[in-house]
Amino acid sequence: MEPLLRIFLAEHGRKADATATLREVRSQAAARLVSDAETSRGYLDGEGQFPRRIAQVTLIASRAAIVDSE
């Protein structure tokens, strides 16, 4: 949430700060994708953290993928 606020108010700061914030967000997003892929792989391998909730996990993950692609 904080990086979004920093970008929203970027006109009051320096370009270098806005660029650094965007780099930070990109890095965090890339790390999140790796983490999500590892979690998904665990479920595909039958080793998910909550195997009894696979239907709910699948539903939420598929919805998240749709939102991310929009």
Protein backbone atom coordinates (compact mmCIF):
# COMPACT_ATOMS: atom_id res chain seq x y z
CA MET A 1 0.00 0.00 0.00
CA GLU A 2 2.81 2.41 0.86
CA PRO A 3 4.50 2.18 -2.56
CA LEU A 4 1.17 2.97 -4.23
CA LEU A 5 0.85 6.07 -2.06
CA ARG A 6 4.41 7.10 -2.90
CA ILE A 7 3.66 6.85 -6.62
CA PHE A 8 0.36 8.68 -6.19
CA LEU A 9 2.23 11.55 -4.53
CA ALA A 10 5.33 11.32 -6.75
CA GLU A 11 4.75 14.75 -8.26
CA HIS A 12 5.78 16.21 -4.91
CA GLY A 13 9.04 14.29 -4.77
CA ARG A 14 12.03 13.50 -6.92
CA LYS A 15 11.97 11.45 -10.08
CA ALA A 16 14.72 9.23 -8.68
CA ASP A 17 12.52 8.37 -5.68
CA ALA A 18 9.58 7.44 -7.92
CA THR A 19 11.83 5.32 -10.11
CA ALA A 20 13.24 3.56 -7.07
CA THR A 21 9.73 2.86 -5.81
CA LEU A 22 8.73 1.36 -9.16
CA ARG A 23 11.82 -0.85 -9.12
CA GLU A 24 10.98 -1.96 -5.59
CA VAL A 25 7.41 -2.84 -6.61
CA ARG A 26 8.64 -4.75 -9.65
CA SER A 27 11.07 -6.71 -7.49
CA GLN A 28 8.37 -7.52 -4.92
CA ALA A 29 5.98 -8.63 -7.68
CA ALA A 30 8.62 -10.93 -9.18
CA ALA A 31 9.32 -12.45 -5.76
CA ARG A 32 5.58 -12.95 -5.23
CA LEU A 33 5.27 -14.78 -8.55
CA VAL A 34 8.08 -17.14 -7.55
CA SER A 35 6.50 -17.76 -4.16
CA ASP A 36 3.06 -18.38 -5.69
CA ALA A 37 4.57 -20.78 -8.24
CA GLU A 38 6.31 -22.73 -5.45
CA THR A 39 3.06 -22.95 -3.49
CA SER A 40 1.19 -24.11 -6.58
CA ARG A 41 3.85 -26.72 -7.33
CA GLY A 42 3.40 -28.09 -3.82
CA TYR A 43 -0.31 -28.63 -4.43
CA LEU A 44 0.35 -30.20 -7.83
CA ASP A 45 2.79 -32.59 -6.16
CA GLY A 46 0.19 -33.46 -3.50
CA GLU A 47 2.14 -31.71 -0.76
CA GLY A 48 0.14 -28.50 -0.35
CA GLN A 49 -0.10 -26.97 3.10
CA PHE A 50 -3.90 -27.38 3.20
CA PRO A 51 -4.72 -30.42 1.03
CA ARG A 52 -8.29 -30.65 2.32
CA ARG A 53 -8.91 -27.15 0.99
CA ILE A 54 -7.71 -27.84 -2.57
CA ALA A 55 -11.06 -26.79 -4.09
CA GLN A 56 -10.98 -23.41 -2.35
CA VAL A 57 -7.28 -22.91 -3.06
CA THR A 58 -7.83 -23.69 -6.75
CA LEU A 59 -10.79 -21.33 -6.98
CA ILE A 60 -8.91 -18.44 -5.36
CA ALA A 61 -5.74 -19.06 -7.36
CA SER A 62 -7.64 -19.15 -10.66
CA ARG A 63 -9.48 -15.95 -9.78
CA ALA A 64 -6.20 -14.28 -8.83
CA ALA A 65 -4.72 -15.30 -12.19
CA ILE A 66 -7.67 -13.74 -14.02
CA VAL A 67 -7.37 -10.48 -12.08
CA ASP A 68 -3.61 -10.34 -12.65
CA SER A 69 -4.05 -10.79 -16.40
CA GLU A 70 -6.58 -7.96 -16.75
